[in-house]
Amino acid sequence: MKKKPLGHLLLAFALLLQLAVLPLQIAAAEPEKSPTWIPSINYLALGDSLAAGVTPTNELGKGYADFLAEKLAGEELLQTSNKGFSYPGYKTDDILKDLELNVTKPVLGMGHQDQTATIQQSIKESNLITLSIGANDVLSKVKFDEKGTPLFKPEEIQSSMMSVGMNIQKILGKIYQLNPKAQVYVMGYYNPFPTLSADVQPTIGQLVNSLNAAIKSGLTGTPAHFVSTAELIAKNFPVYLPNPQNIHLSEAGYKVVMNAFNESLMKNYPWFKQDVLTVNTKDASTVELNWEPVIDTGMIMTYQVFNGDQKVAEVMGPVLTYEITDLQPNKEYSFTIKAVSQNGKMSIHNLNKVYTLDSVPTEPTVMFTDISNHWAKDVIELAAMKGIVGGYTDHTFRPNQSLTRAQATSIIVRALDLKPQSTKMAFDDLAYYADSTKADIQAAYEYGLMSGVNGHFMPNKPITRAQLALLLSRTYAVATGKPFTPTAPAPFNDIQKFSKDTQWAIAGLYQLNIATGDQGKFMPNAPTTRAHAAKMIVNSMQAIGQ
């Protein structure tokens, strides 16, 4: 078959640069979703014809952005997607111009109610952004003779490459200025002319490598991730680039690119909050699991706890902790938490932690890696040395994390070595807690340290500063046999609406220098952080004489 002249290819490419994209609005009904710990993704695709989804026949179809959106939607992770700011022929300066002018363009994607959107607001609302840009900057400087030999001026190519790197850095700078938390993934390019003769392939390969190097240089100093595609497309270019006279991918090729993006997402995207599931050693054969609730707690009925493939427990929705016993030291375990909704839907993306129980229980960590510059460093270390508080297995203390009512109760009860007299629990929301935690809460109730509301202890609620003040005031009375009576009210202007008992408890802590407040405020309704709790409890124990 007679080979078509390369000029036809260049003509098609020139026509492609002028191709206009007609807006297409895709509406998607909101399905009933499974419970999840992962915030929904708002996905924005920026770039050229590859992001727009131009086909090998120069029609607008599905590109990698469409397939990535569909994959995320299939896994119930996607809230919205929009590729409306991706246009064929776009160069890096086109995106910069769009950003500068804050252009409005038709929405092309899923989950949106509006027909149009501005680019700056779209960036602000997106937590996932993909970018494919730069190829047109360079290809416009390359011509081919009748034999298919690429012709270009090295100085023009070098200038184009430098512009690509600098412009991508400007684009990313603007993105992160608008949305510092955006997760950005930037596509690397493939060889668009694999069917040209073998003797010109080294030159084309060098151009592609230089272009990708320029793109990578634009990522320098940013948290953006580079997604390589060159080797993947080269593996089966007859299938992925079926039209020798067109540089665009087939659906199979776009899916390969999508998979490359998805693989990078799996490795780098912050799917779960840090410490959403923690494992702590209790003794030589026991660990305690603690996890965060799913995002929509109203839909949750139970959490299932797994040790490997075996379900060891199913706890009611309010419970966020469980002890697993009879474990062996120096053996690796895989713990999983699954959420089940009221309609019986199971979470798709579950919490998992691999953990090895030490042969000897770990002593409380004194030096923590995350408090070196913290204001409460000294008192936290003192609290740890006294065994009042402990750290986590990753050698952190997490000083800004809130303390729950159950945790605060256990710290005080164990510090005073209090034991319950009755085996009948005073509260009806502790059924799925560890026996040791239930015993601590029962002892606190019997000694008058803590109370609940209508038979509920609300163990997972953060303990407020006012509640901790009342607990510590009662702790003083239990430990010394008599209450501490302050000689003057506390000098705080934000506690007047609280009960007299609470106000005097705060006054007592102030007089004993246990709590000093900040700028005339005690902040009584604020959750108590682990750092503030360490300070207040250590100071209380010192005042008591323990």
Protein backbone atom coordinates (compact mmCIF):
# COMPACT_ATOMS: atom_id res chain seq x y z
CA MET A 1 0.00 0.00 0.00
CA LYS A 2 1.30 3.40 -0.96
CA LYS A 3 2.39 5.40 2.06
CA LYS A 4 0.51 8.67 2.52
CA PRO A 5 2.71 11.75 2.57
CA LEU A 6 3.46 13.17 5.99
CA GLY A 7 2.04 16.47 4.83
CA HIS A 8 -1.43 14.98 5.31
CA LEU A 9 -0.56 14.30 8.92
CA LEU A 10 0.61 17.86 9.43
CA LEU A 11 -2.56 19.17 7.79
CA ALA A 12 -4.68 17.08 10.12
CA PHE A 13 -2.67 18.32 13.08
CA ALA A 14 -3.07 21.93 11.95
CA LEU A 15 -6.81 21.41 11.66
CA LEU A 16 -6.78 19.90 15.11
CA LEU A 17 -5.23 23.04 16.57
CA GLN A 18 -8.26 24.98 15.32
CA LEU A 19 -10.82 22.46 16.47
CA ALA A 20 -13.47 23.99 18.70
CA VAL A 21 -15.03 22.00 21.46
CA LEU A 22 -18.79 22.21 21.71
CA PRO A 23 -20.00 22.10 25.30
CA LEU A 24 -21.73 18.98 26.45
CA GLN A 25 -23.44 18.82 29.81
CA ILE A 26 -23.62 15.38 31.36
CA ALA A 27 -26.04 15.03 34.23
CA ALA A 28 -25.64 12.27 36.78
CA ALA A 29 -28.16 11.22 39.38
CA GLU A 30 -26.81 11.01 42.91
CA PRO A 31 -26.77 7.31 43.91
CA GLU A 32 -27.08 6.02 47.44
CA LYS A 33 -23.47 5.75 48.58
CA SER A 34 -21.73 3.38 50.92
CA PRO A 35 -20.35 4.74 54.22
CA THR A 36 -16.85 6.09 53.81
CA TRP A 37 -13.96 7.78 55.59
CA ILE A 38 -12.80 9.42 52.34
CA PRO A 39 -14.00 12.94 51.46
CA SER A 40 -15.71 13.09 48.06
CA ILE A 41 -13.49 14.15 45.17
CA ASN A 42 -14.13 17.22 43.03
CA TYR A 43 -12.03 16.55 39.93
CA LEU A 44 -10.86 19.21 37.46
CA ALA A 45 -8.99 18.36 34.25
CA LEU A 46 -6.91 21.13 32.65
CA GLY A 47 -4.97 20.83 29.43
CA ASP A 48 -4.97 20.14 25.73
CA SER A 49 -6.72 17.75 23.35
CA LEU A 50 -5.65 14.70 25.36
CA ALA A 51 -7.56 15.96 28.40
CA ALA A 52 -10.45 17.02 26.16
CA GLY A 53 -10.64 13.52 24.68
CA VAL A 54 -9.98 14.06 20.95
CA THR A 55 -10.05 10.72 19.10
CA PRO A 56 -7.82 9.41 16.29
CA THR A 57 -10.49 10.63 13.88
CA ASN A 58 -10.44 14.20 15.26
CA GLU A 59 -13.78 13.86 17.00
CA LEU A 60 -14.49 14.77 20.59
CA GLY A 61 -14.88 11.61 22.65
CA LYS A 62 -13.74 10.16 25.91
CA GLY A 63 -10.21 10.95 27.03
CA TYR A 64 -8.21 9.93 30.06
CA ALA A 65 -10.06 12.54 32.17
CA ASP A 66 -13.43 10.95 31.37
CA PHE A 67 -12.21 7.47 32.18
CA LEU A 68 -10.59 8.62 35.41
CA ALA A 69 -13.83 10.35 36.45
CA GLU A 70 -15.81 7.20 35.64
CA LYS A 71 -13.43 5.05 37.68
CA LEU A 72 -13.67 7.35 40.70
CA ALA A 73 -17.45 7.46 40.35
CA GLY A 74 -17.61 3.66 40.16
CA GLU A 75 -15.76 3.49 43.46
CA GLU A 76 -18.15 6.06 44.98
CA LEU A 77 -15.34 8.57 45.41
CA LEU A 78 -16.40 11.22 42.89
CA GLN A 79 -18.67 14.15 43.63
CA THR A 80 -18.03 16.25 40.51
CA SER A 81 -15.81 16.26 37.44
CA ASN A 82 -15.16 18.91 34.79
CA LYS A 83 -12.93 18.89 31.72
CA GLY A 84 -14.48 22.06 30.30
CA PHE A 85 -11.23 24.02 30.55
CA SER A 86 -9.35 21.48 28.39
CA TYR A 87 -9.18 22.49 24.73
CA PRO A 88 -7.45 21.07 21.65
CA GLY A 89 -4.43 23.04 20.56
CA TYR A 90 -3.91 24.59 23.99
CA LYS A 91 -0.39 25.66 24.92
CA THR A 92 0.93 26.56 28.33
CA ASP A 93 0.37 30.26 27.75
CA ASP A 94 -3.30 29.57 26.91
CA ILE A 95 -3.88 28.15 30.38
CA LEU A 96 -1.99 31.05 31.93
CA LYS A 97 -4.20 33.46 30.02
CA ASP A 98 -7.34 31.63 31.16
CA LEU A 99 -6.13 31.88 34.75
CA GLU A 100 -5.32 35.56 34.43
CA LEU A 101 -8.68 36.43 32.86
CA ASN A 102 -10.59 34.00 35.10
CA VAL A 103 -12.49 32.75 32.07
CA THR A 104 -15.96 31.26 32.20
CA LYS A 105 -16.54 28.12 30.14
CA PRO A 106 -19.23 25.45 29.80
CA VAL A 107 -19.04 22.61 32.32
CA LEU A 108 -18.23 19.28 30.75
CA GLY A 109 -18.48 16.55 33.33
CA MET A 110 -20.52 14.90 36.05
CA GLY A 111 -22.34 16.06 39.15
CA HIS A 112 -22.61 19.79 38.43
CA GLN A 113 -25.82 21.81 38.67
CA ASP A 114 -24.49 24.89 36.90
CA GLN A 115 -24.05 25.01 33.12
CA THR A 116 -20.90 27.14 33.28
CA ALA A 117 -18.01 27.72 35.67
CA THR A 118 -15.08 30.09 36.14
CA ILE A 119 -11.63 28.56 36.17
CA GLN A 120 -10.46 30.15 39.42
CA GLN A 121 -13.53 29.06 41.40
CA SER A 122 -13.26 25.60 39.86
CA ILE A 123 -9.68 25.31 41.10
CA LYS A 124 -10.69 26.49 44.58
CA GLU A 125 -13.41 23.83 44.79
CA SER A 126 -11.32 20.94 43.41
CA ASN A 127 -9.27 18.60 45.53
CA LEU A 128 -7.96 16.67 42.50
CA ILE A 129 -6.54 18.39 39.41
CA THR A 130 -4.87 16.77 36.40
CA LEU A 131 -2.83 18.72 33.86
CA SER A 132 -1.63 17.73 30.38
CA ILE A 133 0.04 20.67 28.67
CA GLY A 134 3.22 21.55 26.80
CA ALA A 135 3.23 19.34 23.70
CA ASN A 136 1.71 21.99 21.44
CA ASP A 137 4.36 24.50 22.56
CA VAL A 138 7.05 22.27 21.05
CA LEU A 139 5.24 20.59 18.15
CA SER A 140 4.48 23.97 16.60
CA LYS A 141 8.26 24.43 16.18
CA VAL A 142 8.81 21.10 14.38
CA LYS A 143 8.28 20.51 10.66
CA PHE A 144 8.79 17.37 8.58
CA ASP A 145 10.18 16.96 5.08
CA GLU A 146 8.74 14.58 2.48
CA LYS A 147 10.79 11.69 3.89
CA GLY A 148 9.42 12.22 7.37
CA THR A 149 12.59 13.72 8.77
CA PRO A 150 11.88 16.21 11.59
CA LEU A 151 13.17 19.69 10.86
CA PHE A 152 13.62 22.29 13.57
CA LYS A 153 15.93 24.97 14.81
CA PRO A 154 17.67 23.83 18.02
CA GLU A 155 17.56 27.32 19.50
CA GLU A 156 13.78 27.52 18.94
CA ILE A 157 13.25 24.10 20.51
CA GLN A 158 15.43 25.02 23.47
CA SER A 159 13.49 28.25 23.93
CA SER A 160 10.18 26.37 23.74
CA MET A 161 11.35 23.81 26.30
CA MET A 162 12.39 26.56 28.70
CA SER A 163 9.03 28.27 28.26
CA VAL A 164 7.20 25.01 28.97
CA GLY A 165 9.05 24.53 32.26
CA MET A 166 8.63 28.13 33.39
CA ASN A 167 4.97 28.34 32.35
CA ILE A 168 4.06 25.08 34.08
CA GLN A 169 5.71 26.40 37.23
CA LYS A 170 3.58 29.56 36.91
CA ILE A 171 0.45 27.49 36.32
CA LEU A 172 1.13 25.37 39.40
CA GLY A 173 1.97 28.47 41.41
CA LYS A 174 -1.41 29.96 40.56
CA ILE A 175 -3.21 26.69 41.34
CA TYR A 176 -1.60 26.39 44.76
CA GLN A 177 -2.22 30.06 45.44
CA LEU A 178 -5.93 29.50 44.82
CA ASN A 179 -6.04 26.11 46.52
CA PRO A 180 -2.99 25.17 48.66
CA LYS A 181 -4.46 21.73 49.44
CA ALA A 182 -5.12 20.72 45.82
CA GLN A 183 -3.65 17.40 44.73
CA VAL A 184 -2.15 17.97 41.26
CA TYR A 185 -0.98 15.29 38.82
CA VAL A 186 0.84 16.34 35.63
CA MET A 187 1.00 14.09 32.58
CA GLY A 188 4.19 13.29 30.72
CA TYR A 189 3.97 12.82 26.94
CA TYR A 190 4.51 9.84 24.66
CA ASN A 191 6.05 9.54 21.19
CA PRO A 192 3.23 10.74 18.87
CA PHE A 193 5.01 9.54 15.68
CA PRO A 194 6.00 5.90 16.33
CA THR A 195 5.30 4.84 12.73
CA LEU A 196 7.91 7.12 11.18
CA SER A 197 11.08 5.50 9.91
CA ALA A 198 13.53 4.00 12.40
CA ASP A 199 16.32 6.40 11.48
CA VAL A 200 14.34 9.42 12.76
CA GLN A 201 13.08 7.75 15.94
CA PRO A 202 16.18 8.73 18.01
CA THR A 203 15.56 12.38 17.18
CA ILE A 204 11.86 12.14 18.06
CA GLY A 205 12.71 10.22 21.21
CA GLN A 206 15.12 12.95 22.23
CA LEU A 207 12.45 15.60 21.67
CA VAL A 208 9.92 13.69 23.78
CA ASN A 209 12.46 13.12 26.58
CA SER A 210 13.44 16.78 26.56
CA LEU A 211 9.79 17.84 26.68
CA ASN A 212 9.13 15.59 29.66
CA ALA A 213 12.26 16.86 31.37
CA ALA A 214 11.02 20.43 30.86
CA ILE A 215 7.64 19.49 32.36
CA LYS A 216 9.35 17.89 35.35
CA SER A 217 11.42 21.03 35.87
CA GLY A 218 8.17 22.97 36.15
CA LEU A 219 7.16 20.72 39.05
CA THR A 220 10.30 21.53 41.02
CA GLY A 221 9.51 22.94 44.44
CA THR A 222 5.84 21.95 44.28
CA PRO A 223 3.99 18.91 45.67
CA ALA A 224 2.64 18.05 42.20
CA HIS A 225 3.24 14.53 40.85
CA PHE A 226 4.58 13.65 37.39
CA VAL A 227 2.76 10.81 35.60
CA SER A 228 4.88 9.02 33.00
CA THR A 229 3.15 7.58 29.90
CA ALA A 230 5.87 7.22 27.21
CA GLU A 231 6.87 3.62 27.91
CA LEU A 232 3.27 2.52 28.44
CA ILE A 233 2.08 3.79 25.06
CA ALA A 234 5.21 2.50 23.28
CA LYS A 235 4.46 -1.05 24.44
CA ASN A 236 1.54 -1.40 22.01
CA PHE A 237 1.45 1.73 19.85
CA PRO A 238 -0.46 0.09 16.92
CA VAL A 239 -3.44 -0.32 19.28
CA TYR A 240 -2.99 2.89 21.27
CA LEU A 241 -2.18 5.10 18.23
CA PRO A 242 -4.15 3.38 15.47
CA ASN A 243 -4.13 6.27 12.96
CA PRO A 244 -0.58 6.97 11.69
CA GLN A 245 -1.75 10.37 10.50
CA ASN A 246 -3.12 11.42 13.89
CA ILE A 247 -1.35 11.87 17.20
CA HIS A 248 -4.36 11.11 19.38
CA LEU A 249 -4.99 7.97 21.37
CA SER A 250 -7.66 5.33 20.97
CA GLU A 251 -9.96 4.54 23.89
CA ALA A 252 -7.57 1.75 24.83
CA GLY A 253 -4.72 4.25 24.83
CA TYR A 254 -6.61 6.77 26.94
CA LYS A 255 -7.42 4.00 29.41
CA VAL A 256 -3.71 3.20 29.69
CA VAL A 257 -3.04 6.85 30.52
CA MET A 258 -5.95 6.82 32.98
CA ASN A 259 -4.46 3.77 34.69
CA ALA A 260 -1.14 5.58 35.01
CA PHE A 261 -2.90 8.50 36.70
CA ASN A 262 -4.85 6.11 38.91
CA GLU A 263 -1.71 4.23 39.94
CA SER A 264 -0.10 7.51 40.97
CA LEU A 265 -3.27 8.42 42.87
CA MET A 266 -3.19 5.12 44.75
CA LYS A 267 0.38 5.84 45.87
CA ASN A 268 0.20 9.55 46.59
CA TYR A 269 -3.37 10.78 47.16
CA PRO A 270 -4.23 11.34 50.84
CA TRP A 271 -7.27 9.08 50.83
CA PHE A 272 -7.61 8.86 54.61
CA LYS A 273 -6.89 11.37 57.34
CA GLN A 274 -3.69 10.75 59.25
CA ASP A 275 -4.20 8.38 62.18
CA VAL A 276 -7.75 7.52 61.15
CA LEU A 277 -6.96 4.08 62.61
CA THR A 278 -4.40 3.57 65.35
CA VAL A 279 -3.19 0.45 67.13
CA ASN A 280 -1.63 0.58 70.60
CA THR A 281 -0.15 -2.20 72.70
CA LYS A 282 -2.01 -2.76 75.98
CA ASP A 283 -0.01 -5.74 77.25
CA ALA A 284 1.96 -8.70 75.92
CA SER A 285 -1.10 -10.19 74.18
CA THR A 286 -3.54 -7.30 73.76
CA VAL A 287 -3.85 -4.29 71.46
CA GLU A 288 -6.38 -1.48 71.42
CA LEU A 289 -7.79 -0.26 68.12
CA ASN A 290 -9.09 3.32 67.89
CA TRP A 291 -10.63 4.77 64.74
CA GLU A 292 -12.31 7.90 63.48
CA PRO A 293 -16.02 7.83 62.56
CA VAL A 294 -17.09 7.80 58.92
CA ILE A 295 -17.92 11.15 57.36
CA ASP A 296 -21.70 10.75 57.54
CA THR A 297 -22.21 9.26 60.99
CA GLY A 298 -25.98 9.49 60.70
CA MET A 299 -26.07 6.57 58.29
CA ILE A 300 -23.96 4.19 60.41
CA MET A 301 -25.38 1.21 62.27
CA THR A 302 -22.24 -0.77 63.17
CA TYR A 303 -18.48 -1.07 62.68
CA GLN A 304 -17.04 -4.50 61.98
CA VAL A 305 -13.59 -5.34 63.37
CA PHE A 306 -11.42 -7.86 61.54
CA ASN A 307 -8.20 -9.61 62.51
CA GLY A 308 -6.98 -10.79 59.12
CA ASP A 309 -9.98 -12.37 57.39
CA GLN A 310 -11.73 -13.19 60.65
CA LYS A 311 -14.42 -10.89 62.00
CA VAL A 312 -13.76 -10.63 65.72
CA ALA A 313 -16.38 -8.06 66.68
CA GLU A 314 -19.21 -5.83 65.51
CA VAL A 315 -19.76 -2.72 67.63
CA MET A 316 -22.53 -0.16 67.56
CA GLY A 317 -21.95 3.06 65.61
CA PRO A 318 -21.06 5.36 68.53
CA VAL A 319 -18.25 3.03 69.64
CA LEU A 320 -14.87 3.82 68.07
CA THR A 321 -12.55 1.53 70.00
CA TYR A 322 -12.01 -2.18 70.56
CA GLU A 323 -9.47 -4.38 72.33
CA ILE A 324 -8.21 -7.53 70.63
CA THR A 325 -6.75 -10.14 72.98
CA ASP A 326 -4.92 -13.47 72.81
CA LEU A 327 -2.35 -12.22 70.32
CA GLN A 328 1.15 -13.61 69.95
CA PRO A 329 4.29 -11.48 70.24
CA ASN A 330 6.57 -10.93 67.25
CA LYS A 331 3.78 -11.87 64.83
CA GLU A 332 2.42 -9.54 62.15
CA TYR A 333 -1.32 -8.88 62.24
CA SER A 334 -3.57 -7.06 59.80
CA PHE A 335 -6.51 -5.24 61.43
CA THR A 336 -9.42 -3.90 59.38
CA ILE A 337 -12.42 -1.74 60.25
CA LYS A 338 -15.50 -1.85 58.02
CA ALA A 339 -18.54 0.39 58.35
CA VAL A 340 -22.11 -0.84 57.82
CA SER A 341 -24.97 1.59 57.14
CA GLN A 342 -28.52 1.36 58.44
CA ASN A 343 -29.51 -0.02 55.04
CA GLY A 344 -26.87 -2.73 55.21
CA LYS A 345 -24.44 -1.13 52.75
CA MET A 346 -20.81 -1.96 53.50
CA SER A 347 -17.96 0.53 53.14
CA ILE A 348 -15.98 0.01 49.94
CA HIS A 349 -12.75 1.56 51.19
CA ASN A 350 -11.93 0.19 54.62
CA LEU A 351 -9.44 1.13 57.31
CA ASN A 352 -6.46 -1.20 57.58
CA LYS A 353 -3.39 -1.33 59.77
CA VAL A 354 -0.58 -3.86 59.78
CA TYR A 355 0.88 -4.25 63.28
CA THR A 356 3.43 -6.44 65.05
CA LEU A 357 3.05 -6.93 68.76
CA ASP A 358 6.37 -6.60 70.59
CA SER A 359 7.47 -9.45 72.83
CA VAL A 360 7.85 -6.96 75.69
CA PRO A 361 5.22 -4.24 76.14
CA THR A 362 6.52 -0.85 75.13
CA GLU A 363 7.12 1.52 78.00
CA PRO A 364 5.54 4.96 77.74
CA THR A 365 7.52 7.06 75.34
CA VAL A 366 9.21 10.04 77.01
CA MET A 367 10.66 11.77 73.98
CA PHE A 368 8.13 12.37 71.22
CA THR A 369 8.99 13.34 67.68
CA ASP A 370 6.22 15.92 67.27
CA ILE A 371 6.64 18.12 70.36
CA SER A 372 10.19 19.46 70.02
CA ASN A 373 8.93 23.01 69.47
CA HIS A 374 5.64 22.67 71.33
CA TRP A 375 4.89 24.99 74.25
CA ALA A 376 3.94 22.01 76.45
CA LYS A 377 7.02 19.87 75.68
CA ASP A 378 8.36 19.77 79.25
CA VAL A 379 5.06 19.01 80.92
CA ILE A 380 4.17 16.37 78.30
CA GLU A 381 7.47 14.56 78.94
CA LEU A 382 6.91 14.83 82.70
CA ALA A 383 3.40 13.38 82.31
CA ALA A 384 4.80 10.51 80.25
CA MET A 385 7.54 9.77 82.81
CA LYS A 386 4.92 9.64 85.55
CA GLY A 387 2.86 7.25 83.44
CA ILE A 388 -0.06 9.67 83.29
CA VAL A 389 -0.09 9.80 79.51
CA GLY A 390 1.57 7.77 76.80
CA GLY A 391 2.57 8.22 73.21
CA TYR A 392 1.73 6.32 70.07
CA THR A 393 3.65 3.53 68.43
CA ASP A 394 5.06 5.91 65.82
CA HIS A 395 6.75 7.87 68.65
CA THR A 396 4.36 10.81 68.37
CA PHE A 397 2.26 12.39 71.11
CA ARG A 398 -0.22 14.29 68.90
CA PRO A 399 -0.53 17.20 71.33
CA ASN A 400 -3.34 18.96 69.45
CA GLN A 401 -5.62 15.93 69.29
CA SER A 402 -8.72 16.14 71.48
CA LEU A 403 -9.07 14.00 74.61
CA THR A 404 -12.34 12.06 74.93
CA ARG A 405 -14.39 11.73 78.10
CA ALA A 406 -13.47 8.05 78.32
CA GLN A 407 -9.75 8.72 77.92
CA ALA A 408 -9.71 11.50 80.51
CA THR A 409 -11.62 9.32 82.95
CA SER A 410 -9.22 6.40 82.56
CA ILE A 411 -6.18 8.65 83.10
CA ILE A 412 -7.53 10.01 86.40
CA VAL A 413 -8.88 6.70 87.71
CA ARG A 414 -5.65 4.86 86.99
CA ALA A 415 -3.55 7.67 88.47
CA LEU A 416 -5.54 7.36 91.72
CA ASP A 417 -5.73 3.55 91.45
CA LEU A 418 -9.49 3.54 91.95
CA LYS A 419 -11.49 0.33 91.62
CA PRO A 420 -15.26 -0.04 91.12
CA GLN A 421 -17.32 -1.67 93.80
CA SER A 422 -20.16 -2.78 91.56
CA THR A 423 -20.09 -4.91 88.43
CA LYS A 424 -23.35 -3.35 87.24
CA MET A 425 -22.66 -0.51 84.86
CA ALA A 426 -24.30 2.86 85.51
CA PHE A 427 -24.38 3.80 81.82
CA ASP A 428 -25.99 2.05 78.86
CA ASP A 429 -23.67 3.27 76.07
CA LEU A 430 -20.55 1.32 77.13
CA ALA A 431 -21.58 -2.19 76.08
CA TYR A 432 -18.98 -2.50 73.35
CA TYR A 433 -16.07 -0.98 75.23
CA ALA A 434 -13.18 -2.90 76.72
CA ASP A 435 -13.79 -4.21 80.23
CA SER A 436 -10.93 -2.12 81.60
CA THR A 437 -12.46 1.08 80.18
CA LYS A 438 -15.89 0.19 81.56
CA ALA A 439 -14.34 -0.46 84.98
CA ASP A 440 -12.59 2.93 84.93
CA ILE A 441 -15.81 4.76 84.08
CA GLN A 442 -17.80 2.85 86.68
CA ALA A 443 -15.18 3.67 89.34
CA ALA A 444 -15.26 7.34 88.35
CA TYR A 445 -19.05 7.33 88.69
CA GLU A 446 -18.99 5.62 92.08
CA TYR A 447 -16.42 8.06 93.47
CA GLY A 448 -18.39 11.01 92.14
CA LEU A 449 -15.77 12.07 89.59
CA MET A 450 -17.94 11.82 86.49
CA SER A 451 -21.62 11.66 85.64
CA GLY A 452 -23.70 11.26 82.53
CA VAL A 453 -27.02 12.36 81.08
CA ASN A 454 -30.09 10.10 81.14
CA GLY A 455 -27.98 7.00 81.55
CA HIS A 456 -25.55 7.97 78.78
CA PHE A 457 -21.87 8.62 79.44
CA MET A 458 -21.05 9.76 75.89
CA PRO A 459 -17.54 8.26 76.07
CA ASN A 460 -16.37 9.37 72.62
CA LYS A 461 -17.27 13.03 72.98
CA PRO A 462 -14.26 15.31 73.51
CA ILE A 463 -14.05 16.44 77.11
CA THR A 464 -14.37 20.21 77.32
CA ARG A 465 -12.08 22.38 79.42
CA ALA A 466 -14.94 23.08 81.81
CA GLN A 467 -15.70 19.37 82.20
CA LEU A 468 -12.04 18.59 82.83
CA ALA A 469 -11.88 21.38 85.42
CA LEU A 470 -14.83 19.83 87.28
CA LEU A 471 -13.22 16.38 87.03
CA LEU A 472 -9.92 17.64 88.45
CA SER A 473 -11.67 19.53 91.24
CA ARG A 474 -13.46 16.34 92.26
CA THR A 475 -10.20 14.42 91.91
CA TYR A 476 -8.61 16.72 94.48
CA ALA A 477 -11.47 16.05 96.92
CA VAL A 478 -11.28 12.26 96.45
CA ALA A 479 -7.49 12.15 96.81
CA THR A 480 -7.21 14.47 99.84
CA GLY A 481 -10.49 13.70 101.55
CA LYS A 482 -11.67 17.28 101.41
CA PRO A 483 -12.57 19.72 98.65
CA PHE A 484 -10.36 22.66 97.79
CA THR A 485 -12.16 25.92 98.50
CA PRO A 486 -10.84 28.85 96.47
CA THR A 487 -10.65 32.23 98.18
CA ALA A 488 -11.76 34.25 95.16
CA PRO A 489 -13.63 33.77 91.87
CA ALA A 490 -11.64 33.04 88.74
CA PRO A 491 -10.73 36.15 86.67
CA PHE A 492 -12.25 34.79 83.47
CA ASN A 493 -15.00 36.61 81.60
CA ASP A 494 -16.41 33.63 79.72
CA ILE A 495 -17.56 31.28 82.52
CA GLN A 496 -20.47 33.22 84.04
CA LYS A 497 -23.14 31.09 82.36
CA PHE A 498 -21.82 27.88 83.91
CA SER A 499 -23.01 26.34 87.18
CA LYS A 500 -21.53 27.56 90.45
CA ASP A 501 -19.80 24.18 90.93
CA THR A 502 -18.07 24.56 87.59
CA GLN A 503 -17.12 28.19 88.22
CA TRP A 504 -15.61 27.32 91.62
CA ALA A 505 -13.83 24.33 90.11
CA ILE A 506 -12.24 26.64 87.54
CA ALA A 507 -11.41 29.15 90.29
CA GLY A 508 -9.71 26.41 92.28
CA LEU A 509 -7.60 25.33 89.32
CA TYR A 510 -6.62 28.95 88.75
CA GLN A 511 -5.65 29.52 92.39
CA LEU A 512 -3.59 26.32 92.42
CA ASN A 513 -1.93 27.39 89.17
CA ILE A 514 -3.27 24.32 87.44
CA ALA A 515 -5.00 26.31 84.68
CA THR A 516 -4.26 29.93 83.80
CA GLY A 517 -6.43 30.60 80.76
CA ASP A 518 -5.46 32.93 77.95
CA GLN A 519 -5.98 36.70 77.79
CA GLY A 520 -8.74 36.69 80.36
CA LYS A 521 -10.59 33.73 78.87
CA PHE A 522 -10.84 30.13 80.03
CA MET A 523 -12.52 28.86 76.84
CA PRO A 524 -14.74 26.46 78.82
CA ASN A 525 -16.53 24.91 75.84
CA ALA A 526 -13.37 24.22 73.86
CA PRO A 527 -12.31 20.58 73.53
CA THR A 528 -9.33 19.77 75.73
CA THR A 529 -6.25 18.90 73.72
CA ARG A 530 -3.84 16.21 74.87
CA ALA A 531 -1.27 18.93 75.55
CA HIS A 532 -3.57 20.99 77.77
CA ALA A 533 -4.81 17.84 79.51
CA ALA A 534 -1.22 16.77 80.26
CA LYS A 535 -0.49 20.16 81.80
CA MET A 536 -3.68 20.32 83.88
CA ILE A 537 -3.45 16.73 85.12
CA VAL A 538 0.26 16.96 86.01
CA ASN A 539 -0.32 20.21 87.90
CA SER A 540 -3.30 18.63 89.67
CA MET A 541 -1.30 15.58 90.76
CA GLN A 542 1.43 17.87 92.08
CA ALA A 543 -1.13 19.91 94.03
CA ILE A 544 -2.57 16.71 95.48
CA GLY A 545 0.92 15.52 96.38
CA GLN A 546 1.10 12.54 94.04
